[in-house]
PDB file of all heavy atoms in Angstrom:
ATOM      1  N   LEU A   1      71.544  40.512 158.617  1.00  0.00           N
ATOM      2  CA  LEU A   1      72.593  39.718 157.869  1.00  0.00           C
ATOM      3  C   LEU A   1      72.138  38.336 157.623  1.00  0.00           C
ATOM      4  O   LEU A   1      72.230  37.856 156.467  1.00  0.00           O
ATOM      5  CB  LEU A   1      73.883  39.749 158.715  1.00  0.00           C
ATOM      6  CG  LEU A   1      75.011  38.905 158.142  1.00  0.00           C
ATOM      7  CD1 LEU A   1      75.547  39.459 156.903  1.00  0.00           C
ATOM      8  CD2 LEU A   1      76.151  38.902 159.254  1.00  0.00           C
ATOM      9  N   VAL A   2      71.520  37.692 158.612  1.00  0.00           N
ATOM     10  CA  VAL A   2      71.066  36.332 158.434  1.00  0.00           C
ATOM     11  C   VAL A   2      69.847  36.302 157.519  1.00  0.00           C
ATOM     12  O   VAL A   2      69.815  35.527 156.551  1.00  0.00           O
ATOM     13  CB  VAL A   2      70.690  35.659 159.786  1.00  0.00           C
ATOM     14  CG1 VAL A   2      69.960  34.468 159.647  1.00  0.00           C
ATOM     15  CG2 VAL A   2      71.905  35.455 160.641  1.00  0.00           C
ATOM     16  N   ASP A   3      68.872  37.138 157.699  1.00  0.00           N
ATOM     17  CA  ASP A   3      67.593  37.128 156.956  1.00  0.00           C
ATOM     18  C   ASP A   3      67.863  37.456 155.489  1.00  0.00           C
ATOM     19  O   ASP A   3      67.271  36.832 154.570  1.00  0.00           O
ATOM     20  CB  ASP A   3      66.590  38.028 157.544  1.00  0.00           C
ATOM     21  CG  ASP A   3      65.998  37.568 158.767  1.00  0.00           C
ATOM     22  OD1 ASP A   3      66.138  36.314 159.119  1.00  0.00           O
ATOM     23  OD2 ASP A   3      65.446  38.395 159.545  1.00  0.00           O
ATOM     24  N   ASP A   4      68.744  38.452 155.189  1.00  0.00           N
ATOM     25  CA  ASP A   4      68.914  38.955 153.868  1.00  0.00           C
ATOM     26  C   ASP A   4      69.982  38.269 153.049  1.00  0.00           C
ATOM     27  O   ASP A   4      69.990  38.228 151.864  1.00  0.00           O
ATOM     28  CB  ASP A   4      69.224  40.470 153.885  1.00  0.00           C
ATOM     29  CG  ASP A   4      68.026  41.318 154.444  1.00  0.00           C
ATOM     30  OD1 ASP A   4      66.941  40.690 154.658  1.00  0.00           O
ATOM     31  OD2 ASP A   4      68.255  42.485 154.626  1.00  0.00           O
ATOM     32  N   VAL A   5      71.015  37.711 153.830  1.00  0.00           N
ATOM     33  CA  VAL A   5      72.202  37.095 153.091  1.00  0.00           C
ATOM     34  C   VAL A   5      72.467  35.664 153.492  1.00  0.00           C
ATOM     35  O   VAL A   5      72.460  34.854 152.573  1.00  0.00           O
ATOM     36  CB  VAL A   5      73.447  37.984 153.384  1.00  0.00           C
ATOM     37  CG1 VAL A   5      74.583  37.482 152.651  1.00  0.00           C
ATOM     38  CG2 VAL A   5      73.200  39.486 153.033  1.00  0.00           C
ATOM     39  N   LEU A   6      72.738  35.371 154.713  1.00  0.00           N
ATOM     40  CA  LEU A   6      73.201  34.097 155.151  1.00  0.00           C
ATOM     41  C   LEU A   6      72.141  33.016 154.940  1.00  0.00           C
ATOM     42  O   LEU A   6      72.376  31.908 154.455  1.00  0.00           O
ATOM     43  CB  LEU A   6      73.702  34.124 156.593  1.00  0.00           C
ATOM     44  CG  LEU A   6      74.870  35.038 156.856  1.00  0.00           C
ATOM     45  CD1 LEU A   6      75.332  34.913 158.285  1.00  0.00           C
ATOM     46  CD2 LEU A   6      76.045  34.645 155.883  1.00  0.00           C
ATOM     47  N   ASP A   7      70.887  33.209 155.348  1.00  0.00           N
ATOM     48  CA  ASP A   7      69.843  32.182 155.207  1.00  0.00           C
ATOM     49  C   ASP A   7      69.550  31.928 153.754  1.00  0.00           C
ATOM     50  O   ASP A   7      69.506  30.719 153.345  1.00  0.00           O
ATOM     51  CB  ASP A   7      68.517  32.563 155.963  1.00  0.00           C
ATOM     52  CG  ASP A   7      68.558  32.008 157.377  1.00  0.00           C
ATOM     53  OD1 ASP A   7      69.454  31.228 157.741  1.00  0.00           O
ATOM     54  OD2 ASP A   7      67.600  32.318 158.148  1.00  0.00           O
ATOM     55  N   PRO A   8      69.384  32.967 152.924  1.00  0.00           N
ATOM     56  CA  PRO A   8      69.252  32.609 151.489  1.00  0.00           C
ATOM     57  C   PRO A   8      70.382  31.864 150.872  1.00  0.00           C
ATOM     58  O   PRO A   8      70.233  31.020 149.961  1.00  0.00           O
ATOM     59  CB  PRO A   8      69.007  34.001 150.782  1.00  0.00           C
ATOM     60  CG  PRO A   8      68.564  34.930 151.889  1.00  0.00           C
ATOM     61  CD  PRO A   8      69.254  34.345 153.144  1.00  0.00           C
ATOM     62  N   LEU A   9      71.645  32.229 151.288  1.00  0.00           N
ATOM     63  CA  LEU A   9      72.812  31.508 150.731  1.00  0.00           C
ATOM     64  C   LEU A   9      72.853  30.095 151.205  1.00  0.00           C
ATOM     65  O   LEU A   9      73.022  29.166 150.430  1.00  0.00           O
ATOM     66  CB  LEU A   9      74.009  32.220 151.228  1.00  0.00           C
ATOM     67  CG  LEU A   9      75.358  31.636 150.812  1.00  0.00           C
ATOM     68  CD1 LEU A   9      75.515  31.584 149.299  1.00  0.00           C
ATOM     69  CD2 LEU A   9      76.538  32.427 151.466  1.00  0.00           C
ATOM     70  N   ARG A  10      72.546  29.845 152.527  1.00  0.00           N
ATOM     71  CA  ARG A  10      72.481  28.499 152.984  1.00  0.00           C
ATOM     72  C   ARG A  10      71.431  27.678 152.339  1.00  0.00           C
ATOM     73  O   ARG A  10      71.652  26.498 151.957  1.00  0.00           O
ATOM     74  CB  ARG A  10      72.295  28.495 154.592  1.00  0.00           C
ATOM     75  CG  ARG A  10      71.908  27.220 155.172  1.00  0.00           C
ATOM     76  CD  ARG A  10      72.938  26.120 155.005  1.00  0.00           C
ATOM     77  NE  ARG A  10      72.583  24.904 155.641  1.00  0.00           N
ATOM     78  CZ  ARG A  10      71.716  24.009 155.139  1.00  0.00           C
ATOM     79  NH1 ARG A  10      71.148  24.192 153.966  1.00  0.00           N
ATOM     80  NH2 ARG A  10      71.440  22.837 155.857  1.00  0.00           N
ATOM     81  N   LYS A  11      70.270  28.221 152.110  1.00  0.00           N
ATOM     82  CA  LYS A  11      69.234  27.479 151.433  1.00  0.00           C
ATOM     83  C   LYS A  11      69.612  27.091 150.035  1.00  0.00           C
ATOM     84  O   LYS A  11      69.460  25.996 149.575  1.00  0.00           O
ATOM     85  CB  LYS A  11      67.965  28.323 151.369  1.00  0.00           C
ATOM     86  CG  LYS A  11      66.776  27.649 150.655  1.00  0.00           C
ATOM     87  CD  LYS A  11      65.524  28.477 150.686  1.00  0.00           C
ATOM     88  CE  LYS A  11      64.430  27.767 149.990  1.00  0.00           C
ATOM     89  NZ  LYS A  11      63.178  28.458 149.901  1.00  0.00           N
ATOM     90  N   ALA A  12      70.219  28.008 149.277  1.00  0.00           N
ATOM     91  CA  ALA A  12      70.589  27.764 147.861  1.00  0.00           C
ATOM     92  C   ALA A  12      71.846  26.787 147.885  1.00  0.00           C
ATOM     93  O   ALA A  12      71.956  25.984 146.983  1.00  0.00           O
ATOM     94  CB  ALA A  12      71.102  29.055 147.192  1.00  0.00           C
ATOM     95  N   TRP A  13      72.708  26.854 148.927  1.00  0.00           N
ATOM     96  CA  TRP A  13      73.910  25.959 148.999  1.00  0.00           C
ATOM     97  C   TRP A  13      73.489  24.589 149.281  1.00  0.00           C
ATOM     98  O   TRP A  13      74.057  23.627 148.698  1.00  0.00           O
ATOM     99  CB  TRP A  13      74.793  26.506 150.043  1.00  0.00           C
ATOM    100  CG  TRP A  13      76.133  25.857 150.196  1.00  0.00           C
ATOM    101  CD1 TRP A  13      76.523  25.025 151.156  1.00  0.00           C
ATOM    102  CD2 TRP A  13      77.216  25.874 149.198  1.00  0.00           C
ATOM    103  NE1 TRP A  13      77.823  24.487 150.989  1.00  0.00           N
ATOM    104  CE2 TRP A  13      78.255  25.012 149.706  1.00  0.00           C
ATOM    105  CE3 TRP A  13      77.351  26.459 147.982  1.00  0.00           C
ATOM    106  CZ2 TRP A  13      79.426  24.774 149.052  1.00  0.00           C
ATOM    107  CZ3 TRP A  13      78.632  26.280 147.295  1.00  0.00           C
ATOM    108  CH2 TRP A  13      79.593  25.464 147.823  1.00  0.00           C
ATOM    109  N   GLY A  14      72.426  24.385 150.043  1.00  0.00           N
ATOM    110  CA  GLY A  14      71.920  23.045 150.300  1.00  0.00           C
ATOM    111  C   GLY A  14      72.646  22.216 151.331  1.00  0.00           C
ATOM    112  O   GLY A  14      72.337  21.033 151.548  1.00  0.00           O
ATOM    113  N   ARG A  15      73.648  22.792 152.011  1.00  0.00           N
ATOM    114  CA  ARG A  15      74.468  22.039 152.966  1.00  0.00           C
ATOM    115  C   ARG A  15      74.888  23.043 154.059  1.00  0.00           C
ATOM    116  O   ARG A  15      74.866  24.240 153.833  1.00  0.00           O
ATOM    117  CB  ARG A  15      75.765  21.487 152.288  1.00  0.00           C
ATOM    118  CG  ARG A  15      75.437  20.503 151.208  1.00  0.00           C
ATOM    119  CD  ARG A  15      76.790  19.936 150.665  1.00  0.00           C
ATOM    120  NE  ARG A  15      77.767  20.929 150.294  1.00  0.00           N
ATOM    121  CZ  ARG A  15      78.109  21.184 149.014  1.00  0.00           C
ATOM    122  NH1 ARG A  15      77.564  20.420 148.030  1.00  0.00           N
ATOM    123  NH2 ARG A  15      78.991  22.037 148.680  1.00  0.00           N
ATOM    124  N   PRO A  16      75.219  22.520 155.200  1.00  0.00           N
ATOM    125  CA  PRO A  16      75.660  23.423 156.291  1.00  0.00           C
ATOM    126  C   PRO A  16      76.782  24.355 155.983  1.00  0.00           C
ATOM    127  O   PRO A  16      77.608  23.924 155.183  1.00  0.00           O
ATOM    128  CB  PRO A  16      75.945  22.500 157.407  1.00  0.00           C
ATOM    129  CG  PRO A  16      75.251  21.305 157.158  1.00  0.00           C
ATOM    130  CD  PRO A  16      75.228  21.138 155.636  1.00  0.00           C
ATOM    131  N   LEU A  17      76.821  25.458 156.546  1.00  0.00           N
ATOM    132  CA  LEU A  17      77.907  26.414 156.445  1.00  0.00           C
ATOM    133  C   LEU A  17      78.376  26.720 157.863  1.00  0.00           C
ATOM    134  O   LEU A  17      77.569  26.803 158.773  1.00  0.00           O
ATOM    135  CB  LEU A  17      77.476  27.740 155.771  1.00  0.00           C
ATOM    136  CG  LEU A  17      77.011  27.603 154.367  1.00  0.00           C
ATOM    137  CD1 LEU A  17      76.423  28.910 153.849  1.00  0.00           C
ATOM    138  CD2 LEU A  17      78.186  27.247 153.412  1.00  0.00           C
ATOM    139  N   VAL A  18      79.708  26.897 158.087  1.00  0.00           N
ATOM    140  CA  VAL A  18      80.214  27.259 159.418  1.00  0.00           C
ATOM    141  C   VAL A  18      80.527  28.729 159.464  1.00  0.00           C
ATOM    142  O   VAL A  18      81.253  29.207 158.551  1.00  0.00           O
ATOM    143  CB  VAL A  18      81.409  26.464 159.736  1.00  0.00           C
ATOM    144  CG1 VAL A  18      82.089  26.834 161.043  1.00  0.00           C
ATOM    145  CG2 VAL A  18      81.106  24.896 159.735  1.00  0.00           C
ATOM    146  N   VAL A  19      80.022  29.440 160.460  1.00  0.00           N
ATOM    147  CA  VAL A  19      80.382  30.864 160.723  1.00  0.00           C
ATOM    148  C   VAL A  19      81.657  30.760 161.608  1.00  0.00           C
ATOM    149  O   VAL A  19      81.518  30.369 162.788  1.00  0.00           O
ATOM    150  CB  VAL A  19      79.308  31.630 161.325  1.00  0.00           C
ATOM    151  CG1 VAL A  19      79.772  33.030 161.691  1.00  0.00           C
ATOM    152  CG2 VAL A  19      78.068  31.739 160.427  1.00  0.00           C
ATOM    153  N   SER A  20      82.740  31.028 161.075  1.00  0.00           N
ATOM    154  CA  SER A  20      84.000  31.049 161.894  1.00  0.00           C
ATOM    155  C   SER A  20      84.214  32.342 162.676  1.00  0.00           C
ATOM    156  O   SER A  20      84.940  32.383 163.696  1.00  0.00           O
ATOM    157  CB  SER A  20      85.214  30.776 161.072  1.00  0.00           C
ATOM    158  OG  SER A  20      85.427  31.775 159.971  1.00  0.00           O
ATOM    159  N   SER A  21      83.594  33.430 162.219  1.00  0.00           N
ATOM    160  CA  SER A  21      83.624  34.679 162.924  1.00  0.00           C
ATOM    161  C   SER A  21      82.417  35.518 162.561  1.00  0.00           C
ATOM    162  O   SER A  21      82.217  35.735 161.376  1.00  0.00           O
ATOM    163  CB  SER A  21      84.898  35.426 162.691  1.00  0.00           C
ATOM    164  OG  SER A  21      84.972  36.668 163.457  1.00  0.00           O
ATOM    165  N   GLY A  22      81.662  35.934 163.558  1.00  0.00           N
ATOM    166  CA  GLY A  22      80.519  36.782 163.297  1.00  0.00           C
ATOM    167  C   GLY A  22      80.692  38.111 164.027  1.00  0.00           C
ATOM    168  O   GLY A  22      81.703  38.767 163.800  1.00  0.00           O
ATOM    169  N   TYR A  23      79.859  38.340 165.026  1.00  0.00           N
ATOM    170  CA  TYR A  23      79.971  39.547 165.824  1.00  0.00           C
ATOM    171  C   TYR A  23      81.284  39.511 166.724  1.00  0.00           C
ATOM    172  O   TYR A  23      81.548  38.439 167.170  1.00  0.00           O
ATOM    173  CB  TYR A  23      78.752  39.685 166.751  1.00  0.00           C
ATOM    174  CG  TYR A  23      78.916  40.784 167.744  1.00  0.00           C
ATOM    175  CD1 TYR A  23      78.861  42.143 167.344  1.00  0.00           C
ATOM    176  CD2 TYR A  23      79.228  40.550 169.063  1.00  0.00           C
ATOM    177  CE1 TYR A  23      79.034  43.174 168.272  1.00  0.00           C
ATOM    178  CE2 TYR A  23      79.410  41.508 169.943  1.00  0.00           C
ATOM    179  CZ  TYR A  23      79.350  42.837 169.579  1.00  0.00           C
ATOM    180  OH  TYR A  23      79.500  43.877 170.468  1.00  0.00           O
ATOM    181  N   ARG A  24      81.936  40.640 166.800  1.00  0.00           N
ATOM    182  CA  ARG A  24      83.091  40.802 167.692  1.00  0.00           C
ATOM    183  C   ARG A  24      82.946  42.126 168.412  1.00  0.00           C
ATOM    184  O   ARG A  24      82.912  43.176 167.778  1.00  0.00           O
ATOM    185  CB  ARG A  24      84.369  40.866 166.835  1.00  0.00           C
ATOM    186  CG  ARG A  24      84.668  39.668 166.057  1.00  0.00           C
ATOM    187  CD  ARG A  24      86.059  39.895 165.336  1.00  0.00           C
ATOM    188  NE  ARG A  24      86.299  39.057 164.236  1.00  0.00           N
ATOM    189  CZ  ARG A  24      86.963  39.406 163.160  1.00  0.00           C
ATOM    190  NH1 ARG A  24      87.399  40.666 163.010  1.00  0.00           N
ATOM    191  NH2 ARG A  24      87.079  38.561 162.116  1.00  0.00           N
ATOM    192  N   CYS A  25      82.898  42.028 169.697  1.00  0.00           N
ATOM    193  CA  CYS A  25      82.980  43.243 170.462  1.00  0.00           C
ATOM    194  C   CYS A  25      84.398  43.900 170.280  1.00  0.00           C
ATOM    195  O   CYS A  25      85.285  43.189 169.737  1.00  0.00           O
ATOM    196  CB  CYS A  25      82.769  42.976 171.993  1.00  0.00           C
ATOM    197  SG  CYS A  25      84.072  41.992 172.756  1.00  0.00           S
ATOM    198  N   PRO A  26      84.509  45.162 170.524  1.00  0.00           N
ATOM    199  CA  PRO A  26      85.815  45.771 170.272  1.00  0.00           C
ATOM    200  C   PRO A  26      86.989  45.073 170.876  1.00  0.00           C
ATOM    201  O   PRO A  26      88.029  44.943 170.243  1.00  0.00           O
ATOM    202  CB  PRO A  26      85.657  47.165 170.865  1.00  0.00           C
ATOM    203  CG  PRO A  26      84.162  47.455 170.651  1.00  0.00           C
ATOM    204  CD  PRO A  26      83.535  46.101 170.992  1.00  0.00           C
ATOM    205  N   ALA A  27      86.875  44.581 172.136  1.00  0.00           N
ATOM    206  CA  ALA A  27      87.942  43.793 172.778  1.00  0.00           C
ATOM    207  C   ALA A  27      88.352  42.570 172.011  1.00  0.00           C
ATOM    208  O   ALA A  27      89.506  42.230 171.804  1.00  0.00           O
ATOM    209  CB  ALA A  27      87.632  43.440 174.173  1.00  0.00           C
ATOM    210  N   LEU A  28      87.337  41.808 171.530  1.00  0.00           N
ATOM    211  CA  LEU A  28      87.563  40.601 170.789  1.00  0.00           C
ATOM    212  C   LEU A  28      88.118  41.000 169.420  1.00  0.00           C
ATOM    213  O   LEU A  28      89.123  40.251 168.935  1.00  0.00           O
ATOM    214  CB  LEU A  28      86.296  39.792 170.632  1.00  0.00           C
ATOM    215  CG  LEU A  28      86.445  38.531 169.801  1.00  0.00           C
ATOM    216  CD1 LEU A  28      87.461  37.552 170.278  1.00  0.00           C
ATOM    217  CD2 LEU A  28      85.041  37.841 169.642  1.00  0.00           C
ATOM    218  N   ASN A  29      87.693  41.989 168.767  1.00  0.00           N
ATOM    219  CA  ASN A  29      88.165  42.419 167.445  1.00  0.00           C
ATOM    220  C   ASN A  29      89.691  42.740 167.602  1.00  0.00           C
ATOM    221  O   ASN A  29      90.510  42.349 166.685  1.00  0.00           O
ATOM    222  CB  ASN A  29      87.427  43.594 166.907  1.00  0.00           C
ATOM    223  CG  ASN A  29      87.708  43.882 165.515  1.00  0.00           C
ATOM    224  OD1 ASN A  29      87.403  43.017 164.579  1.00  0.00           O
ATOM    225  ND2 ASN A  29      88.258  45.067 165.212  1.00  0.00           N
ATOM    226  N   ALA A  30      90.086  43.436 168.609  1.00  0.00           N
ATOM    227  CA  ALA A  30      91.423  43.757 168.846  1.00  0.00           C
ATOM    228  C   ALA A  30      92.301  42.494 169.120  1.00  0.00           C
ATOM    229  O   ALA A  30      93.365  42.342 168.603  1.00  0.00           O
ATOM    230  CB  ALA A  30      91.621  44.779 170.011  1.00  0.00           C
ATOM    231  N   ALA A  31      91.753  41.569 169.884  1.00  0.00           N
ATOM    232  CA  ALA A  31      92.446  40.351 170.230  1.00  0.00           C
ATOM    233  C   ALA A  31      92.805  39.512 169.025  1.00  0.00           C
ATOM    234  O   ALA A  31      93.732  38.812 168.932  1.00  0.00           O
ATOM    235  CB  ALA A  31      91.637  39.534 171.193  1.00  0.00           C
ATOM    236  N   VAL A  32      91.892  39.523 168.005  1.00  0.00           N
ATOM    237  CA  VAL A  32      92.115  38.765 166.764  1.00  0.00           C
ATOM    238  C   VAL A  32      92.729  39.562 165.668  1.00  0.00           C
ATOM    239  O   VAL A  32      92.981  39.048 164.637  1.00  0.00           O
ATOM    240  CB  VAL A  32      90.771  38.110 166.261  1.00  0.00           C
ATOM    241  CG1 VAL A  32      90.162  37.221 167.322  1.00  0.00           C
ATOM    242  CG2 VAL A  32      89.820  39.145 165.763  1.00  0.00           C
ATOM    243  N   GLY A  33      93.094  40.778 165.928  1.00  0.00           N
ATOM    244  CA  GLY A  33      93.812  41.618 164.974  1.00  0.00           C
ATOM    245  C   GLY A  33      92.946  42.164 163.870  1.00  0.00           C
ATOM    246  O   GLY A  33      93.320  42.401 162.737  1.00  0.00           O
ATOM    247  N   GLY A  34      91.587  42.334 164.158  1.00  0.00           N
ATOM    248  CA  GLY A  34      90.688  42.803 163.199  1.00  0.00           C
ATOM    249  C   GLY A  34      90.848  44.325 162.900  1.00  0.00           C
ATOM    250  O   GLY A  34      91.500  45.006 163.710  1.00  0.00           O
ATOM    251  N   SER A  35      90.325  44.726 161.809  1.00  0.00           N
ATOM    252  CA  SER A  35      90.412  46.152 161.399  1.00  0.00           C
ATOM    253  C   SER A  35      89.667  47.029 162.417  1.00  0.00           C
ATOM    254  O   SER A  35      88.629  46.607 162.978  1.00  0.00           O
ATOM    255  CB  SER A  35      89.732  46.293 159.982  1.00  0.00           C
ATOM    256  OG  SER A  35      89.432  47.639 159.780  1.00  0.00           O
ATOM    257  N   ARG A  36      90.178  48.183 162.683  1.00  0.00           N
ATOM    258  CA  ARG A  36      89.586  49.118 163.622  1.00  0.00           C
ATOM    259  C   ARG A  36      88.174  49.582 163.141  1.00  0.00           C
ATOM    260  O   ARG A  36      87.400  50.080 163.954  1.00  0.00           O
ATOM    261  CB  ARG A  36      90.483  50.308 163.897  1.00  0.00           C
ATOM    262  CG  ARG A  36      91.676  49.987 164.684  1.00  0.00           C
ATOM    263  CD  ARG A  36      92.552  51.249 164.935  1.00  0.00           C
ATOM    264  NE  ARG A  36      93.258  51.583 163.702  1.00  0.00           N
ATOM    265  CZ  ARG A  36      93.373  52.795 163.247  1.00  0.00           C
ATOM    266  NH1 ARG A  36      92.979  53.855 163.938  1.00  0.00           N
ATOM    267  NH2 ARG A  36      94.027  53.052 162.121  1.00  0.00           N
ATOM    268  N   THR A  37      87.855  49.418 161.895  1.00  0.00           N
ATOM    269  CA  THR A  37      86.521  49.780 161.353  1.00  0.00           C
ATOM    270  C   THR A  37      85.738  48.565 160.846  1.00  0.00           C
ATOM    271  O   THR A  37      84.858  48.673 160.061  1.00  0.00           O
ATOM    272  CB  THR A  37      86.707  50.738 160.084  1.00  0.00           C
ATOM    273  OG1 THR A  37      87.549  50.102 159.153  1.00  0.00           O
ATOM    274  CG2 THR A  37      87.427  52.020 160.554  1.00  0.00           C
ATOM    275  N   SER A  38      86.099  47.408 161.436  1.00  0.00           N
ATOM    276  CA  SER A  38      85.461  46.139 161.012  1.00  0.00           C
ATOM    277  C   SER A  38      83.935  46.135 161.173  1.00  0.00           C
ATOM    278  O   SER A  38      83.407  46.505 162.203  1.00  0.00           O
ATOM    279  CB  SER A  38      86.094  45.025 161.828  1.00  0.00           C
ATOM    280  OG  SER A  38      85.414  43.805 161.517  1.00  0.00           O
TER     281      SER A  38
END
């Protein structure tokens, strides 16, 4: 994800980007109300 999408996007954007949510274990995903197939 980083190598193919996020790093190229950040490079082109030219400024920092904040990741507000990345990996979520199932318990965390449930805690934040994420999709069961997230």
